[in-house]
N, C-alpha and C. Protein backbone atom coordinates (compact mmCIF):
# COMPACT_ATOMS: atom_id res chain seq x y z
N MET A 1 36.70 -262.52 -76.55
CA MET A 1 35.82 -261.52 -77.06
C MET A 1 34.42 -262.06 -77.31
N GLU A 2 34.34 -263.34 -77.52
CA GLU A 2 33.02 -263.93 -77.72
C GLU A 2 32.17 -263.82 -76.47
N LYS A 3 32.78 -264.02 -75.32
CA LYS A 3 32.03 -263.95 -74.08
C LYS A 3 31.48 -262.54 -73.87
N THR A 4 32.24 -261.57 -74.17
CA THR A 4 31.82 -260.19 -74.00
C THR A 4 30.69 -259.88 -74.97
N GLY A 5 30.79 -260.33 -76.20
CA GLY A 5 29.74 -260.11 -77.21
C GLY A 5 28.45 -260.81 -76.81
N ALA A 6 28.56 -262.04 -76.31
CA ALA A 6 27.38 -262.78 -75.87
C ALA A 6 26.75 -262.10 -74.67
N LYS A 7 27.65 -261.61 -73.76
CA LYS A 7 27.16 -260.93 -72.57
C LYS A 7 26.42 -259.66 -72.95
N LEU A 8 26.96 -258.92 -73.93
CA LEU A 8 26.29 -257.71 -74.40
C LEU A 8 24.93 -258.04 -75.02
N ASN A 9 24.89 -259.11 -75.78
CA ASN A 9 23.62 -259.51 -76.41
C ASN A 9 22.58 -259.88 -75.36
N VAL A 10 22.96 -260.58 -74.31
CA VAL A 10 22.04 -260.97 -73.24
C VAL A 10 21.56 -259.72 -72.51
N GLU A 11 22.47 -258.83 -72.20
CA GLU A 11 22.10 -257.60 -71.51
C GLU A 11 21.16 -256.75 -72.38
N SER A 12 21.48 -256.69 -73.65
CA SER A 12 20.65 -255.94 -74.59
C SER A 12 19.25 -256.56 -74.67
N LEU A 13 19.21 -257.88 -74.73
CA LEU A 13 17.93 -258.60 -74.77
C LEU A 13 17.13 -258.34 -73.50
N LYS A 14 17.80 -258.34 -72.35
CA LYS A 14 17.12 -258.07 -71.07
C LYS A 14 16.54 -256.66 -71.06
N ARG A 15 17.31 -255.68 -71.53
CA ARG A 15 16.82 -254.31 -71.57
C ARG A 15 15.59 -254.18 -72.47
N GLU A 16 15.68 -254.79 -73.64
CA GLU A 16 14.57 -254.70 -74.58
C GLU A 16 13.33 -255.43 -74.05
N LEU A 17 13.57 -256.58 -73.42
CA LEU A 17 12.45 -257.33 -72.83
C LEU A 17 11.78 -256.51 -71.72
N ARG A 18 12.61 -255.87 -70.90
CA ARG A 18 12.08 -255.01 -69.83
C ARG A 18 11.24 -253.88 -70.43
N ARG A 19 11.73 -253.28 -71.50
CA ARG A 19 11.00 -252.20 -72.16
C ARG A 19 9.66 -252.69 -72.73
N VAL A 20 9.68 -253.90 -73.30
CA VAL A 20 8.43 -254.47 -73.84
C VAL A 20 7.43 -254.71 -72.71
N VAL A 21 7.91 -255.26 -71.60
CA VAL A 21 7.02 -255.51 -70.46
C VAL A 21 6.47 -254.20 -69.92
N LEU A 22 7.34 -253.20 -69.77
CA LEU A 22 6.88 -251.90 -69.28
C LEU A 22 5.89 -251.25 -70.26
N ALA A 23 6.14 -251.43 -71.54
CA ALA A 23 5.20 -250.89 -72.54
C ALA A 23 3.84 -251.57 -72.40
N GLY A 24 3.84 -252.87 -72.16
CA GLY A 24 2.58 -253.60 -71.96
C GLY A 24 1.85 -253.13 -70.72
N VAL A 25 2.60 -252.95 -69.63
CA VAL A 25 1.99 -252.45 -68.39
C VAL A 25 1.43 -251.05 -68.62
N GLY A 26 2.21 -250.21 -69.28
CA GLY A 26 1.74 -248.85 -69.57
C GLY A 26 0.49 -248.86 -70.42
N ALA A 27 0.46 -249.72 -71.43
CA ALA A 27 -0.73 -249.82 -72.29
C ALA A 27 -1.94 -250.26 -71.48
N ALA A 28 -1.75 -251.22 -70.57
CA ALA A 28 -2.85 -251.69 -69.74
C ALA A 28 -3.38 -250.56 -68.85
N VAL A 29 -2.47 -249.79 -68.26
CA VAL A 29 -2.88 -248.68 -67.39
C VAL A 29 -3.63 -247.63 -68.20
N LEU A 30 -3.11 -247.28 -69.39
CA LEU A 30 -3.80 -246.31 -70.24
C LEU A 30 -5.16 -246.82 -70.67
N ALA A 31 -5.24 -248.11 -70.98
CA ALA A 31 -6.52 -248.69 -71.39
C ALA A 31 -7.53 -248.61 -70.25
N LYS A 32 -7.06 -248.91 -69.04
CA LYS A 32 -7.95 -248.83 -67.87
C LYS A 32 -8.42 -247.41 -67.66
N GLU A 33 -7.50 -246.47 -67.70
CA GLU A 33 -7.87 -245.06 -67.52
C GLU A 33 -8.83 -244.61 -68.61
N GLY A 34 -8.55 -245.04 -69.82
CA GLY A 34 -9.43 -244.68 -70.94
C GLY A 34 -10.82 -245.28 -70.75
N ALA A 35 -10.87 -246.52 -70.29
CA ALA A 35 -12.17 -247.17 -70.06
C ALA A 35 -12.94 -246.47 -68.95
N VAL A 36 -12.25 -246.07 -67.90
CA VAL A 36 -12.91 -245.36 -66.81
C VAL A 36 -13.43 -244.01 -67.30
N ASP A 37 -12.60 -243.30 -68.06
CA ASP A 37 -13.03 -242.00 -68.60
C ASP A 37 -14.23 -242.18 -69.53
N LEU A 38 -14.18 -243.21 -70.37
CA LEU A 38 -15.27 -243.46 -71.29
C LEU A 38 -16.55 -243.80 -70.53
N ALA A 39 -16.42 -244.62 -69.50
CA ALA A 39 -17.60 -244.97 -68.70
C ALA A 39 -18.19 -243.73 -68.03
N LYS A 40 -17.33 -242.85 -67.54
CA LYS A 40 -17.81 -241.61 -66.92
C LYS A 40 -18.56 -240.74 -67.94
N LYS A 41 -18.05 -240.68 -69.17
CA LYS A 41 -18.71 -239.92 -70.21
C LYS A 41 -20.09 -240.52 -70.53
N TRP A 42 -20.14 -241.86 -70.61
CA TRP A 42 -21.42 -242.52 -70.90
C TRP A 42 -22.44 -242.24 -69.80
N VAL A 43 -21.98 -242.31 -68.55
CA VAL A 43 -22.89 -242.04 -67.42
C VAL A 43 -23.39 -240.60 -67.50
N ALA A 44 -22.49 -239.67 -67.77
CA ALA A 44 -22.89 -238.25 -67.87
C ALA A 44 -23.92 -238.06 -68.98
N LYS A 45 -23.69 -238.67 -70.13
CA LYS A 45 -24.65 -238.56 -71.24
C LYS A 45 -25.99 -239.18 -70.84
N GLY A 46 -25.94 -240.33 -70.19
CA GLY A 46 -27.16 -240.99 -69.75
C GLY A 46 -27.94 -240.15 -68.76
N GLU A 47 -27.23 -239.55 -67.82
CA GLU A 47 -27.89 -238.69 -66.84
C GLU A 47 -28.50 -237.46 -67.51
N ALA A 48 -27.83 -236.95 -68.54
CA ALA A 48 -28.33 -235.76 -69.23
C ALA A 48 -29.64 -236.04 -69.97
N ILE A 49 -29.77 -237.24 -70.52
CA ILE A 49 -30.98 -237.53 -71.31
C ILE A 49 -32.01 -238.35 -70.54
N GLU A 50 -31.72 -238.65 -69.28
CA GLU A 50 -32.63 -239.48 -68.49
C GLU A 50 -34.05 -238.91 -68.43
N PRO A 51 -34.26 -237.60 -68.18
CA PRO A 51 -35.64 -237.09 -68.14
C PRO A 51 -36.39 -237.32 -69.46
N ASP A 52 -35.69 -237.11 -70.58
CA ASP A 52 -36.33 -237.34 -71.88
C ASP A 52 -36.65 -238.81 -72.08
N LEU A 53 -35.74 -239.66 -71.63
CA LEU A 53 -35.99 -241.11 -71.74
C LEU A 53 -37.19 -241.53 -70.90
N ARG A 54 -37.29 -240.97 -69.70
CA ARG A 54 -38.44 -241.29 -68.85
C ARG A 54 -39.75 -240.89 -69.51
N LYS A 55 -39.78 -239.68 -70.10
CA LYS A 55 -40.98 -239.22 -70.79
C LYS A 55 -41.32 -240.14 -71.96
N ALA A 56 -40.31 -240.47 -72.74
CA ALA A 56 -40.53 -241.35 -73.90
C ALA A 56 -41.01 -242.72 -73.45
N PHE A 57 -40.40 -243.26 -72.39
CA PHE A 57 -40.80 -244.57 -71.89
C PHE A 57 -42.24 -244.54 -71.38
N LYS A 58 -42.61 -243.44 -70.71
CA LYS A 58 -43.97 -243.31 -70.20
C LYS A 58 -44.97 -243.29 -71.37
N LYS A 59 -44.64 -242.54 -72.43
CA LYS A 59 -45.52 -242.48 -73.60
C LYS A 59 -45.67 -243.85 -74.24
N VAL A 60 -44.55 -244.55 -74.39
CA VAL A 60 -44.60 -245.88 -74.99
C VAL A 60 -45.42 -246.83 -74.13
N THR A 61 -45.24 -246.75 -72.82
CA THR A 61 -45.99 -247.61 -71.91
C THR A 61 -47.48 -247.32 -71.99
N GLU A 62 -47.85 -246.04 -72.02
CA GLU A 62 -49.26 -245.68 -72.13
C GLU A 62 -49.84 -246.15 -73.46
N LYS A 63 -49.09 -245.97 -74.52
CA LYS A 63 -49.54 -246.40 -75.85
C LYS A 63 -49.71 -247.91 -75.88
N ARG A 64 -48.75 -248.62 -75.29
CA ARG A 64 -48.83 -250.08 -75.25
C ARG A 64 -50.07 -250.52 -74.49
N ALA A 65 -50.37 -249.86 -73.38
CA ALA A 65 -51.54 -250.21 -72.59
C ALA A 65 -52.82 -249.99 -73.40
N THR A 66 -52.88 -248.89 -74.13
CA THR A 66 -54.04 -248.60 -74.96
C THR A 66 -54.20 -249.64 -76.06
N VAL A 67 -53.11 -249.93 -76.74
CA VAL A 67 -53.15 -250.91 -77.82
C VAL A 67 -53.51 -252.29 -77.28
N THR A 68 -52.92 -252.65 -76.16
CA THR A 68 -53.20 -253.96 -75.56
C THR A 68 -54.67 -254.06 -75.17
N ASP A 69 -55.20 -252.99 -74.59
CA ASP A 69 -56.60 -252.98 -74.19
C ASP A 69 -57.52 -253.13 -75.41
N LYS A 70 -57.24 -252.38 -76.46
CA LYS A 70 -58.06 -252.47 -77.67
C LYS A 70 -57.95 -253.85 -78.30
N ALA A 71 -56.73 -254.36 -78.34
CA ALA A 71 -56.53 -255.69 -78.92
C ALA A 71 -57.24 -256.75 -78.09
N GLY A 72 -57.18 -256.60 -76.77
CA GLY A 72 -57.86 -257.56 -75.89
C GLY A 72 -59.36 -257.54 -76.10
N ARG A 73 -59.93 -256.34 -76.22
CA ARG A 73 -61.37 -256.25 -76.46
C ARG A 73 -61.73 -256.88 -77.80
N GLY A 74 -60.93 -256.59 -78.80
CA GLY A 74 -61.18 -257.16 -80.12
C GLY A 74 -61.04 -258.68 -80.11
N PHE A 75 -60.05 -259.16 -79.39
CA PHE A 75 -59.84 -260.60 -79.29
C PHE A 75 -61.02 -261.28 -78.58
N ARG A 76 -61.45 -260.68 -77.47
CA ARG A 76 -62.59 -261.26 -76.73
C ARG A 76 -63.84 -261.27 -77.59
N LYS A 77 -64.03 -260.20 -78.36
CA LYS A 77 -65.19 -260.13 -79.24
C LYS A 77 -65.10 -261.21 -80.31
N ALA A 78 -63.92 -261.39 -80.89
CA ALA A 78 -63.74 -262.41 -81.92
C ALA A 78 -63.94 -263.80 -81.35
N ILE A 79 -63.46 -264.02 -80.14
CA ILE A 79 -63.62 -265.33 -79.50
C ILE A 79 -65.10 -265.66 -79.33
N GLY A 80 -65.90 -264.62 -79.07
CA GLY A 80 -67.34 -264.84 -78.91
C GLY A 80 -67.98 -265.42 -80.16
N TYR A 81 -67.42 -265.18 -81.30
CA TYR A 81 -67.96 -265.70 -82.56
C TYR A 81 -67.41 -267.07 -82.92
N LEU A 82 -66.37 -267.48 -82.26
CA LEU A 82 -65.74 -268.75 -82.60
C LEU A 82 -66.11 -269.83 -81.59
N PRO A 83 -66.13 -271.07 -82.03
CA PRO A 83 -66.42 -272.17 -81.10
C PRO A 83 -65.17 -272.54 -80.29
N VAL A 84 -64.79 -271.64 -79.40
CA VAL A 84 -63.60 -271.84 -78.58
C VAL A 84 -64.03 -272.00 -77.13
N VAL A 85 -63.45 -272.99 -76.46
CA VAL A 85 -63.76 -273.23 -75.06
C VAL A 85 -62.96 -272.23 -74.22
N THR A 86 -63.66 -271.51 -73.35
CA THR A 86 -63.00 -270.52 -72.50
C THR A 86 -62.81 -271.08 -71.09
N LYS A 87 -62.10 -270.34 -70.30
CA LYS A 87 -61.88 -270.73 -68.90
C LYS A 87 -63.22 -270.80 -68.16
N ASN A 88 -64.10 -269.85 -68.44
CA ASN A 88 -65.41 -269.85 -67.80
C ASN A 88 -66.23 -271.06 -68.23
N ASP A 89 -66.13 -271.44 -69.51
CA ASP A 89 -66.82 -272.65 -69.98
C ASP A 89 -66.34 -273.87 -69.21
N LEU A 90 -65.04 -273.97 -69.02
CA LEU A 90 -64.49 -275.12 -68.28
C LEU A 90 -64.94 -275.11 -66.82
N ALA A 91 -64.98 -273.94 -66.21
CA ALA A 91 -65.42 -273.85 -64.81
C ALA A 91 -66.88 -274.29 -64.69
N GLU A 92 -67.72 -273.87 -65.62
CA GLU A 92 -69.13 -274.27 -65.62
C GLU A 92 -69.25 -275.77 -65.81
N LEU A 93 -68.45 -276.32 -66.70
CA LEU A 93 -68.47 -277.77 -66.94
C LEU A 93 -68.06 -278.54 -65.70
N VAL A 94 -67.06 -278.05 -64.99
CA VAL A 94 -66.61 -278.70 -63.75
C VAL A 94 -67.74 -278.69 -62.72
N LYS A 95 -68.47 -277.57 -62.61
CA LYS A 95 -69.60 -277.49 -61.68
C LYS A 95 -70.67 -278.51 -62.04
N ARG A 96 -70.97 -278.61 -63.32
CA ARG A 96 -72.00 -279.56 -63.77
C ARG A 96 -71.57 -281.00 -63.51
N ILE A 97 -70.30 -281.31 -63.74
CA ILE A 97 -69.79 -282.66 -63.49
C ILE A 97 -69.86 -282.98 -62.00
N ASP A 98 -69.49 -282.01 -61.16
CA ASP A 98 -69.57 -282.22 -59.71
C ASP A 98 -71.00 -282.47 -59.28
N SER A 99 -71.92 -281.71 -59.83
CA SER A 99 -73.33 -281.87 -59.50
C SER A 99 -73.84 -283.25 -59.91
N LEU A 100 -73.48 -283.65 -61.13
CA LEU A 100 -73.89 -284.98 -61.61
C LEU A 100 -73.25 -286.09 -60.78
N SER A 101 -72.01 -285.91 -60.39
CA SER A 101 -71.33 -286.91 -59.56
C SER A 101 -72.05 -287.08 -58.23
N GLU A 102 -72.49 -285.97 -57.65
CA GLU A 102 -73.23 -286.03 -56.38
C GLU A 102 -74.55 -286.79 -56.56
N LYS A 103 -75.24 -286.53 -57.67
CA LYS A 103 -76.51 -287.21 -57.94
C LYS A 103 -76.29 -288.70 -58.14
N VAL A 104 -75.25 -289.08 -58.88
CA VAL A 104 -74.96 -290.50 -59.12
C VAL A 104 -74.62 -291.17 -57.80
N GLU A 105 -73.83 -290.52 -56.98
CA GLU A 105 -73.45 -291.08 -55.68
C GLU A 105 -74.68 -291.23 -54.79
N SER A 106 -75.57 -290.26 -54.86
CA SER A 106 -76.81 -290.33 -54.07
C SER A 106 -77.66 -291.52 -54.51
N LEU A 107 -77.77 -291.74 -55.81
CA LEU A 107 -78.54 -292.87 -56.33
C LEU A 107 -77.89 -294.20 -55.94
N ARG A 108 -76.60 -294.28 -55.91
CA ARG A 108 -75.91 -295.51 -55.51
C ARG A 108 -76.20 -295.83 -54.05
N ARG A 109 -76.24 -294.81 -53.23
CA ARG A 109 -76.49 -295.03 -51.80
C ARG A 109 -77.90 -295.52 -51.56
N LYS A 110 -78.84 -295.06 -52.39
CA LYS A 110 -80.25 -295.47 -52.23
C LYS A 110 -80.45 -296.95 -52.57
N LYS A 111 -79.65 -297.47 -53.46
CA LYS A 111 -79.79 -298.89 -53.87
C LYS A 111 -79.20 -299.72 -52.84
């Protein structure tokens, strides 16, 4: 009778294990379907509000451009009052150094 009882326990365990595995597979399938449905809903919502988002983005972009332009003008004006070396200052200095180098080289050749 022990063999029969053990055999029943093994069979019972196999059935329950199979049910657990099937439940896991079912849960995975439902999760996938749910995720797909959720993604479809998100896309639909996004498509519905896309025109409004485009308008809002355009307004923000235009506002940013205006603010950036004003800030840039203010910054350039402030820089004019400060002893800051600009790119143009450096370019002018390079020209002057090149000119002086040519003169020095010319004087060396004369000697």
